[in-house]
PDB file of N, CA and C in Angstrom:
ATOM      1  N   MET A   1     -80.158 -89.668 -17.423  1.00  0.00           N
ATOM      2  CA  MET A   1     -78.973 -89.988 -16.675  1.00  0.00           C
ATOM      3  C   MET A   1     -79.271 -90.054 -15.170  1.00  0.00           C
ATOM      4  N   GLU A   2     -80.536 -90.104 -14.831  1.00  0.00           N
ATOM      5  CA  GLU A   2     -80.898 -90.149 -13.421  1.00  0.00           C
ATOM      6  C   GLU A   2     -80.228 -91.335 -12.732  1.00  0.00           C
ATOM      7  N   GLY A   3     -79.625 -91.059 -11.588  1.00  0.00           N
ATOM      8  CA  GLY A   3     -78.963 -92.099 -10.819  1.00  0.00           C
ATOM      9  C   GLY A   3     -77.568 -92.440 -11.308  1.00  0.00           C
ATOM     10  N   LYS A   4     -77.089 -91.739 -12.311  1.00  0.00           N
ATOM     11  CA  LYS A   4     -75.755 -91.991 -12.869  1.00  0.00           C
ATOM     12  C   LYS A   4     -74.794 -90.903 -12.418  1.00  0.00           C
ATOM     13  N   GLU A   5     -73.535 -91.218 -12.431  1.00  0.00           N
ATOM     14  CA  GLU A   5     -72.493 -90.260 -12.067  1.00  0.00           C
ATOM     15  C   GLU A   5     -71.662 -89.949 -13.299  1.00  0.00           C
ATOM     16  N   ILE A   6     -71.363 -88.677 -13.492  1.00  0.00           N
ATOM     17  CA  ILE A   6     -70.534 -88.248 -14.613  1.00  0.00           C
ATOM     18  C   ILE A   6     -69.283 -87.592 -14.052  1.00  0.00           C
ATOM     19  N   THR A   7     -68.137 -88.012 -14.546  1.00  0.00           N
ATOM     20  CA  THR A   7     -66.872 -87.398 -14.145  1.00  0.00           C
ATOM     21  C   THR A   7     -66.305 -86.645 -15.333  1.00  0.00           C
ATOM     22  N   THR A   8     -65.975 -85.389 -15.117  1.00  0.00           N
ATOM     23  CA  THR A   8     -65.341 -84.577 -16.152  1.00  0.00           C
ATOM     24  C   THR A   8     -63.835 -84.600 -15.944  1.00  0.00           C
ATOM     25  N   ILE A   9     -63.100 -84.039 -16.879  1.00  0.00           N
ATOM     26  CA  ILE A   9     -61.642 -83.970 -16.757  1.00  0.00           C
ATOM     27  C   ILE A   9     -61.250 -83.251 -15.467  1.00  0.00           C
ATOM     28  N   GLU A  10     -62.008 -82.215 -15.101  1.00  0.00           N
ATOM     29  CA  GLU A  10     -61.718 -81.481 -13.870  1.00  0.00           C
ATOM     30  C   GLU A  10     -61.971 -82.339 -12.633  1.00  0.00           C
ATOM     31  N   GLY A  11     -62.897 -83.279 -12.742  1.00  0.00           N
ATOM     32  CA  GLY A  11     -63.244 -84.128 -11.619  1.00  0.00           C
ATOM     33  C   GLY A  11     -62.255 -85.237 -11.334  1.00  0.00           C
ATOM     34  N   LEU A  12     -61.279 -85.435 -12.195  1.00  0.00           N
ATOM     35  CA  LEU A  12     -60.270 -86.471 -11.941  1.00  0.00           C
ATOM     36  C   LEU A  12     -59.319 -86.073 -10.820  1.00  0.00           C
ATOM     37  N   ALA A  13     -59.020 -84.791 -10.718  1.00  0.00           N
ATOM     38  CA  ALA A  13     -58.111 -84.315  -9.673  1.00  0.00           C
ATOM     39  C   ALA A  13     -58.820 -84.384  -8.322  1.00  0.00           C
ATOM     40  N   THR A  14     -58.043 -84.513  -7.258  1.00  0.00           N
ATOM     41  CA  THR A  14     -58.610 -84.523  -5.912  1.00  0.00           C
ATOM     42  C   THR A  14     -58.187 -83.265  -5.172  1.00  0.00           C
ATOM     43  N   GLU A  15     -59.118 -82.737  -4.389  1.00  0.00           N
ATOM     44  CA  GLU A  15     -58.832 -81.529  -3.624  1.00  0.00           C
ATOM     45  C   GLU A  15     -58.238 -81.911  -2.280  1.00  0.00           C
ATOM     46  N   ASN A  16     -57.126 -81.284  -1.946  1.00  0.00           N
ATOM     47  CA  ASN A  16     -56.461 -81.513  -0.673  1.00  0.00           C
ATOM     48  C   ASN A  16     -57.097 -80.641   0.406  1.00  0.00           C
ATOM     49  N   ALA A  17     -56.788 -80.929   1.668  1.00  0.00           N
ATOM     50  CA  ALA A  17     -57.350 -80.178   2.792  1.00  0.00           C
ATOM     51  C   ALA A  17     -57.037 -78.692   2.708  1.00  0.00           C
ATOM     52  N   ASP A  18     -55.894 -78.342   2.117  1.00  0.00           N
ATOM     53  CA  ASP A  18     -55.512 -76.926   2.026  1.00  0.00           C
ATOM     54  C   ASP A  18     -56.086 -76.239   0.788  1.00  0.00           C
ATOM     55  N   GLY A  19     -56.933 -76.945   0.043  1.00  0.00           N
ATOM     56  CA  GLY A  19     -57.567 -76.357  -1.132  1.00  0.00           C
ATOM     57  C   GLY A  19     -56.804 -76.546  -2.429  1.00  0.00           C
ATOM     58  N   THR A  20     -55.577 -77.047  -2.358  1.00  0.00           N
ATOM     59  CA  THR A  20     -54.823 -77.314  -3.578  1.00  0.00           C
ATOM     60  C   THR A  20     -55.327 -78.616  -4.200  1.00  0.00           C
ATOM     61  N   LEU A  21     -54.967 -78.827  -5.447  1.00  0.00           N
ATOM     62  CA  LEU A  21     -55.399 -80.029  -6.147  1.00  0.00           C
ATOM     63  C   LEU A  21     -54.227 -80.964  -6.400  1.00  0.00           C
ATOM     64  N   THR A  22     -54.501 -82.249  -6.327  1.00  0.00           N
ATOM     65  CA  THR A  22     -53.550 -83.272  -6.744  1.00  0.00           C
ATOM     66  C   THR A  22     -54.113 -83.902  -8.005  1.00  0.00           C
ATOM     67  N   LEU A  23     -53.336 -83.841  -9.064  1.00  0.00           N
ATOM     68  CA  LEU A  23     -53.793 -84.396 -10.332  1.00  0.00           C
ATOM     69  C   LEU A  23     -53.926 -85.910 -10.256  1.00  0.00           C
ATOM     70  N   HIS A  24     -54.830 -86.432 -11.047  1.00  0.00           N
ATOM     71  CA  HIS A  24     -54.974 -87.876 -11.212  1.00  0.00           C
ATOM     72  C   HIS A  24     -53.658 -88.390 -11.799  1.00  0.00           C
ATOM     73  N   PRO A  25     -53.244 -89.611 -11.472  1.00  0.00           N
ATOM     74  CA  PRO A  25     -51.988 -90.134 -12.019  1.00  0.00           C
ATOM     75  C   PRO A  25     -51.895 -90.079 -13.546  1.00  0.00           C
ATOM     76  N   VAL A  26     -52.997 -90.265 -14.244  1.00  0.00           N
ATOM     77  CA  VAL A  26     -52.963 -90.179 -15.709  1.00  0.00           C
ATOM     78  C   VAL A  26     -52.710 -88.739 -16.146  1.00  0.00           C
ATOM     79  N   GLN A  27     -53.366 -87.779 -15.507  1.00  0.00           N
ATOM     80  CA  GLN A  27     -53.121 -86.374 -15.826  1.00  0.00           C
ATOM     81  C   GLN A  27     -51.649 -86.032 -15.606  1.00  0.00           C
ATOM     82  N   GLN A  28     -51.099 -86.474 -14.475  1.00  0.00           N
ATOM     83  CA  GLN A  28     -49.705 -86.174 -14.161  1.00  0.00           C
ATOM     84  C   GLN A  28     -48.760 -86.860 -15.139  1.00  0.00           C
ATOM     85  N   ALA A  29     -49.089 -88.082 -15.535  1.00  0.00           N
ATOM     86  CA  ALA A  29     -48.244 -88.803 -16.494  1.00  0.00           C
ATOM     87  C   ALA A  29     -48.197 -88.085 -17.839  1.00  0.00           C
ATOM     88  N   PHE A  30     -49.325 -87.537 -18.279  1.00  0.00           N
ATOM     89  CA  PHE A  30     -49.345 -86.792 -19.539  1.00  0.00           C
ATOM     90  C   PHE A  30     -48.450 -85.559 -19.442  1.00  0.00           C
ATOM     91  N   ILE A  31     -48.476 -84.883 -18.306  1.00  0.00           N
ATOM     92  CA  ILE A  31     -47.619 -83.712 -18.110  1.00  0.00           C
ATOM     93  C   ILE A  31     -46.154 -84.137 -18.049  1.00  0.00           C
ATOM     94  N   ASP A  32     -45.861 -85.169 -17.253  1.00  0.00           N
ATOM     95  CA  ASP A  32     -44.477 -85.625 -17.096  1.00  0.00           C
ATOM     96  C   ASP A  32     -43.865 -86.072 -18.422  1.00  0.00           C
ATOM     97  N   ALA A  33     -44.676 -86.694 -19.278  1.00  0.00           N
ATOM     98  CA  ALA A  33     -44.186 -87.168 -20.581  1.00  0.00           C
ATOM     99  C   ALA A  33     -44.261 -86.082 -21.655  1.00  0.00           C
ATOM    100  N   GLN A  34     -44.696 -84.897 -21.272  1.00  0.00           N
ATOM    101  CA  GLN A  34     -44.822 -83.761 -22.190  1.00  0.00           C
ATOM    102  C   GLN A  34     -45.660 -84.131 -23.418  1.00  0.00           C
ATOM    103  N   VAL A  35     -46.776 -84.803 -23.159  1.00  0.00           N
ATOM    104  CA  VAL A  35     -47.659 -85.231 -24.242  1.00  0.00           C
ATOM    105  C   VAL A  35     -48.401 -84.070 -24.887  1.00  0.00           C
ATOM    106  N   PRO A  36     -49.018 -83.171 -24.107  1.00  0.00           N
ATOM    107  CA  PRO A  36     -49.872 -82.155 -24.740  1.00  0.00           C
ATOM    108  C   PRO A  36     -49.140 -81.267 -25.740  1.00  0.00           C
ATOM    109  N   GLN A  37     -49.784 -81.048 -26.844  1.00  0.00           N
ATOM    110  CA  GLN A  37     -49.319 -80.068 -27.821  1.00  0.00           C
ATOM    111  C   GLN A  37     -50.433 -79.055 -28.011  1.00  0.00           C
ATOM    112  N   CYS A  38     -51.444 -79.413 -28.767  1.00  0.00           N
ATOM    113  CA  CYS A  38     -52.504 -78.442 -29.060  1.00  0.00           C
ATOM    114  C   CYS A  38     -53.655 -78.506 -28.063  1.00  0.00           C
ATOM    115  N   GLY A  39     -53.851 -79.619 -27.384  1.00  0.00           N
ATOM    116  CA  GLY A  39     -54.931 -79.751 -26.425  1.00  0.00           C
ATOM    117  C   GLY A  39     -56.259 -80.188 -27.013  1.00  0.00           C
ATOM    118  N   TRP A  40     -56.338 -80.348 -28.330  1.00  0.00           N
ATOM    119  CA  TRP A  40     -57.592 -80.693 -28.989  1.00  0.00           C
ATOM    120  C   TRP A  40     -58.153 -82.015 -28.476  1.00  0.00           C
ATOM    121  N   CYS A  41     -57.304 -83.011 -28.279  1.00  0.00           N
ATOM    122  CA  CYS A  41     -57.782 -84.339 -27.903  1.00  0.00           C
ATOM    123  C   CYS A  41     -57.453 -84.736 -26.469  1.00  0.00           C
ATOM    124  N   MET A  42     -56.734 -83.910 -25.750  1.00  0.00           N
ATOM    125  CA  MET A  42     -56.200 -84.321 -24.453  1.00  0.00           C
ATOM    126  C   MET A  42     -57.259 -84.751 -23.449  1.00  0.00           C
ATOM    127  N   SER A  43     -58.350 -84.026 -23.334  1.00  0.00           N
ATOM    128  CA  SER A  43     -59.385 -84.420 -22.369  1.00  0.00           C
ATOM    129  C   SER A  43     -59.906 -85.815 -22.680  1.00  0.00           C
ATOM    130  N   GLY A  44     -60.196 -86.076 -23.937  1.00  0.00           N
ATOM    131  CA  GLY A  44     -60.686 -87.395 -24.328  1.00  0.00           C
ATOM    132  C   GLY A  44     -59.659 -88.487 -24.113  1.00  0.00           C
ATOM    133  N   GLN A  45     -58.417 -88.196 -24.442  1.00  0.00           N
ATOM    134  CA  GLN A  45     -57.345 -89.184 -24.248  1.00  0.00           C
ATOM    135  C   GLN A  45     -57.191 -89.517 -22.759  1.00  0.00           C
ATOM    136  N   ILE A  46     -57.155 -88.477 -21.928  1.00  0.00           N
ATOM    137  CA  ILE A  46     -56.967 -88.679 -20.488  1.00  0.00           C
ATOM    138  C   ILE A  46     -58.158 -89.409 -19.880  1.00  0.00           C
ATOM    139  N   MET A  47     -59.370 -89.007 -20.234  1.00  0.00           N
ATOM    140  CA  MET A  47     -60.559 -89.656 -19.679  1.00  0.00           C
ATOM    141  C   MET A  47     -60.634 -91.120 -20.103  1.00  0.00           C
ATOM    142  N   THR A  48     -60.306 -91.406 -21.352  1.00  0.00           N
ATOM    143  CA  THR A  48     -60.308 -92.790 -21.826  1.00  0.00           C
ATOM    144  C   THR A  48     -59.279 -93.615 -21.067  1.00  0.00           C
ATOM    145  N   ALA A  49     -58.073 -93.080 -20.921  1.00  0.00           N
ATOM    146  CA  ALA A  49     -57.013 -93.803 -20.215  1.00  0.00           C
ATOM    147  C   ALA A  49     -57.369 -94.026 -18.750  1.00  0.00           C
ATOM    148  N   ALA A  50     -57.903 -93.011 -18.086  1.00  0.00           N
ATOM    149  CA  ALA A  50     -58.257 -93.139 -16.669  1.00  0.00           C
ATOM    150  C   ALA A  50     -59.347 -94.191 -16.468  1.00  0.00           C
ATOM    151  N   ALA A  51     -60.383 -94.157 -17.299  1.00  0.00           N
ATOM    152  CA  ALA A  51     -61.468 -95.140 -17.187  1.00  0.00           C
ATOM    153  C   ALA A  51     -60.961 -96.545 -17.488  1.00  0.00           C
ATOM    154  N   PHE A  52     -60.139 -96.659 -18.522  1.00  0.00           N
ATOM    155  CA  PHE A  52     -59.581 -97.959 -18.893  1.00  0.00           C
ATOM    156  C   PHE A  52     -58.730 -98.531 -17.760  1.00  0.00           C
ATOM    157  N   LEU A  53     -57.846 -97.713 -17.194  1.00  0.00           N
ATOM    158  CA  LEU A  53     -56.957 -98.198 -16.134  1.00  0.00           C
ATOM    159  C   LEU A  53     -57.704 -98.496 -14.840  1.00  0.00           C
ATOM    160  N   GLN A  54     -58.832 -97.852 -14.633  1.00  0.00           N
ATOM    161  CA  GLN A  54     -59.653 -98.173 -13.461  1.00  0.00           C
ATOM    162  C   GLN A  54     -60.209 -99.588 -13.598  1.00  0.00           C
ATOM    163  N   GLN A  55     -60.561 -99.974 -14.815  1.00  0.00           N
ATOM    164  CA  GLN A  55     -61.100-101.311 -15.074  1.00  0.00           C
ATOM    165  C   GLN A  55     -60.009-102.362 -15.242  1.00  0.00           C
ATOM    166  N   ASN A  56     -58.829-101.943 -15.705  1.00  0.00           N
ATOM    167  CA  ASN A  56     -57.739-102.872 -15.995  1.00  0.00           C
ATOM    168  C   ASN A  56     -56.424-102.241 -15.531  1.00  0.00           C
ATOM    169  N   PRO A  57     -56.110-102.343 -14.225  1.00  0.00           N
ATOM    170  CA  PRO A  57     -54.935-101.644 -13.690  1.00  0.00           C
ATOM    171  C   PRO A  57     -53.576-102.201 -14.125  1.00  0.00           C
ATOM    172  N   ALA A  58     -53.551-103.366 -14.747  1.00  0.00           N
ATOM    173  CA  ALA A  58     -52.279-103.947 -15.195  1.00  0.00           C
ATOM    174  C   ALA A  58     -52.417-104.438 -16.637  1.00  0.00           C
ATOM    175  N   PRO A  59     -52.677-103.531 -17.581  1.00  0.00           N
ATOM    176  CA  PRO A  59     -52.923-103.953 -18.964  1.00  0.00           C
ATOM    177  C   PRO A  59     -51.642-104.304 -19.708  1.00  0.00           C
ATOM    178  N   SER A  60     -51.812-105.107 -20.736  1.00  0.00           N
ATOM    179  CA  SER A  60     -50.699-105.364 -21.650  1.00  0.00           C
ATOM    180  C   SER A  60     -50.614-104.198 -22.628  1.00  0.00           C
ATOM    181  N   GLU A  61     -49.532-104.130 -23.373  1.00  0.00           N
ATOM    182  CA  GLU A  61     -49.390-103.081 -24.382  1.00  0.00           C
ATOM    183  C   GLU A  61     -50.504-103.186 -25.422  1.00  0.00           C
ATOM    184  N   ASP A  62     -50.847-104.406 -25.804  1.00  0.00           N
ATOM    185  CA  ASP A  62     -51.928-104.596 -26.774  1.00  0.00           C
ATOM    186  C   ASP A  62     -53.268-104.108 -26.224  1.00  0.00           C
ATOM    187  N   ASP A  63     -53.507-104.344 -24.921  1.00  0.00           N
ATOM    188  CA  ASP A  63     -54.735-103.852 -24.293  1.00  0.00           C
ATOM    189  C   ASP A  63     -54.812-102.331 -24.379  1.00  0.00           C
ATOM    190  N   VAL A  64     -53.694-101.669 -24.111  1.00  0.00           N
ATOM    191  CA  VAL A  64     -53.652-100.204 -24.150  1.00  0.00           C
ATOM    192  C   VAL A  64     -53.905 -99.704 -25.568  1.00  0.00           C
ATOM    193  N   ILE A  65     -53.256-100.319 -26.532  1.00  0.00           N
ATOM    194  CA  ILE A  65     -53.434 -99.915 -27.931  1.00  0.00           C
ATOM    195  C   ILE A  65     -54.897-100.061 -28.339  1.00  0.00           C
ATOM    196  N   GLU A  66     -55.518-101.159 -27.954  1.00  0.00           N
ATOM    197  CA  GLU A  66     -56.931-101.368 -28.293  1.00  0.00           C
ATOM    198  C   GLU A  66     -57.830-100.345 -27.594  1.00  0.00           C
ATOM    199  N   ALA A  67     -57.585-100.103 -26.313  1.00  0.00           N
ATOM    200  CA  ALA A  67     -58.427 -99.174 -25.547  1.00  0.00           C
ATOM    201  C   ALA A  67     -58.315 -97.743 -26.048  1.00  0.00           C
ATOM    202  N   MET A  68     -57.135 -97.348 -26.460  1.00  0.00           N
ATOM    203  CA  MET A  68     -56.905 -95.960 -26.870  1.00  0.00           C
ATOM    204  C   MET A  68     -57.088 -95.751 -28.370  1.00  0.00           C
ATOM    205  N   GLY A  69     -57.318 -96.820 -29.103  1.00  0.00           N
ATOM    206  CA  GLY A  69     -57.335 -96.766 -30.559  1.00  0.00           C
ATOM    207  C   GLY A  69     -58.430 -95.945 -31.203  1.00  0.00           C
ATOM    208  N   GLU A  70     -59.487 -95.651 -30.488  1.00  0.00           N
ATOM    209  CA  GLU A  70     -60.593 -94.888 -31.072  1.00  0.00           C
ATOM    210  C   GLU A  70     -60.485 -93.390 -30.815  1.00  0.00           C
ATOM    211  N   ASN A  71     -59.424 -92.960 -30.155  1.00  0.00           N
ATOM    212  CA  ASN A  71     -59.203 -91.532 -29.905  1.00  0.00           C
ATOM    213  C   ASN A  71     -58.376 -90.957 -31.047  1.00  0.00           C
ATOM    214  N   TYR A  72     -58.785 -89.806 -31.511  1.00  0.00           N
ATOM    215  CA  TYR A  72     -58.099 -89.180 -32.638  1.00  0.00           C
ATOM    216  C   TYR A  72     -57.383 -87.919 -32.197  1.00  0.00           C
ATOM    217  N   CYS A  73     -56.241 -87.687 -32.814  1.00  0.00           N
ATOM    218  CA  CYS A  73     -55.380 -86.566 -32.459  1.00  0.00           C
ATOM    219  C   CYS A  73     -55.051 -85.784 -33.725  1.00  0.00           C
ATOM    220  N   ARG A  74     -55.355 -84.500 -33.716  1.00  0.00           N
ATOM    221  CA  ARG A  74     -55.116 -83.670 -34.897  1.00  0.00           C
ATOM    222  C   ARG A  74     -53.655 -83.264 -35.046  1.00  0.00           C
ATOM    223  N   CYS A  75     -52.918 -83.198 -33.935  1.00  0.00           N
ATOM    224  CA  CYS A  75     -51.549 -82.678 -34.025  1.00  0.00           C
ATOM    225  C   CYS A  75     -50.508 -83.787 -34.127  1.00  0.00           C
ATOM    226  N   GLY A  76     -50.922 -85.037 -34.052  1.00  0.00           N
ATOM    227  CA  GLY A  76     -49.989 -86.133 -34.265  1.00  0.00           C
ATOM    228  C   GLY A  76     -49.136 -86.517 -33.074  1.00  0.00           C
ATOM    229  N   CYS A  77     -49.636 -86.317 -31.857  1.00  0.00           N
ATOM    230  CA  CYS A  77     -48.815 -86.679 -30.694  1.00  0.00           C
ATOM    231  C   CYS A  77     -49.082 -88.114 -30.237  1.00  0.00           C
ATOM    232  N   TYR A  78     -49.620 -88.959 -31.119  1.00  0.00           N
ATOM    233  CA  TYR A  78     -49.904 -90.347 -30.776  1.00  0.00           C
ATOM    234  C   TYR A  78     -48.700 -91.061 -30.169  1.00  0.00           C
ATOM    235  N   HIS A  79     -47.530 -90.843 -30.730  1.00  0.00           N
ATOM    236  CA  HIS A  79     -46.353 -91.581 -30.257  1.00  0.00           C
ATOM    237  C   HIS A  79     -46.023 -91.246 -28.807  1.00  0.00           C
ATOM    238  N   ARG A  80     -46.361 -90.072 -28.329  1.00  0.00           N
ATOM    239  CA  ARG A  80     -46.120 -89.728 -26.927  1.00  0.00           C
ATOM    240  C   ARG A  80     -47.192 -90.293 -26.009  1.00  0.00           C
ATOM    241  N   ILE A  81     -48.363 -90.534 -26.561  1.00  0.00           N
ATOM    242  CA  ILE A  81     -49.441 -91.095 -25.745  1.00  0.00           C
ATOM    243  C   ILE A  81     -49.183 -92.576 -25.572  1.00  0.00           C
TER     244      ILE A  81
END
C-alpha cells in the first residue's frame, strides 16, 4: 500500500480548531435518519456511501441502489439506508 491513502470511518469526520469533531455529511445523515440499529454493518455502509458520493455527487436512485447493493445488513435496516 506504499504511496496510498487509507481513510477509516473515524477519518471521515473533521477536527475543528477547538478540538471538537464535525461528522461527515453521510455520518450525520445516518444519525438524522436514525439508521443505526445493531452497528454490525454501519461502518461499511457509511464508507461505501461516502466514497460513492465523492465520485458521483448527484446520483440517481438507481445509481445509489447499485452502489450500495453489495453491503449486507444483519438487522434488516436496509429500508432506512
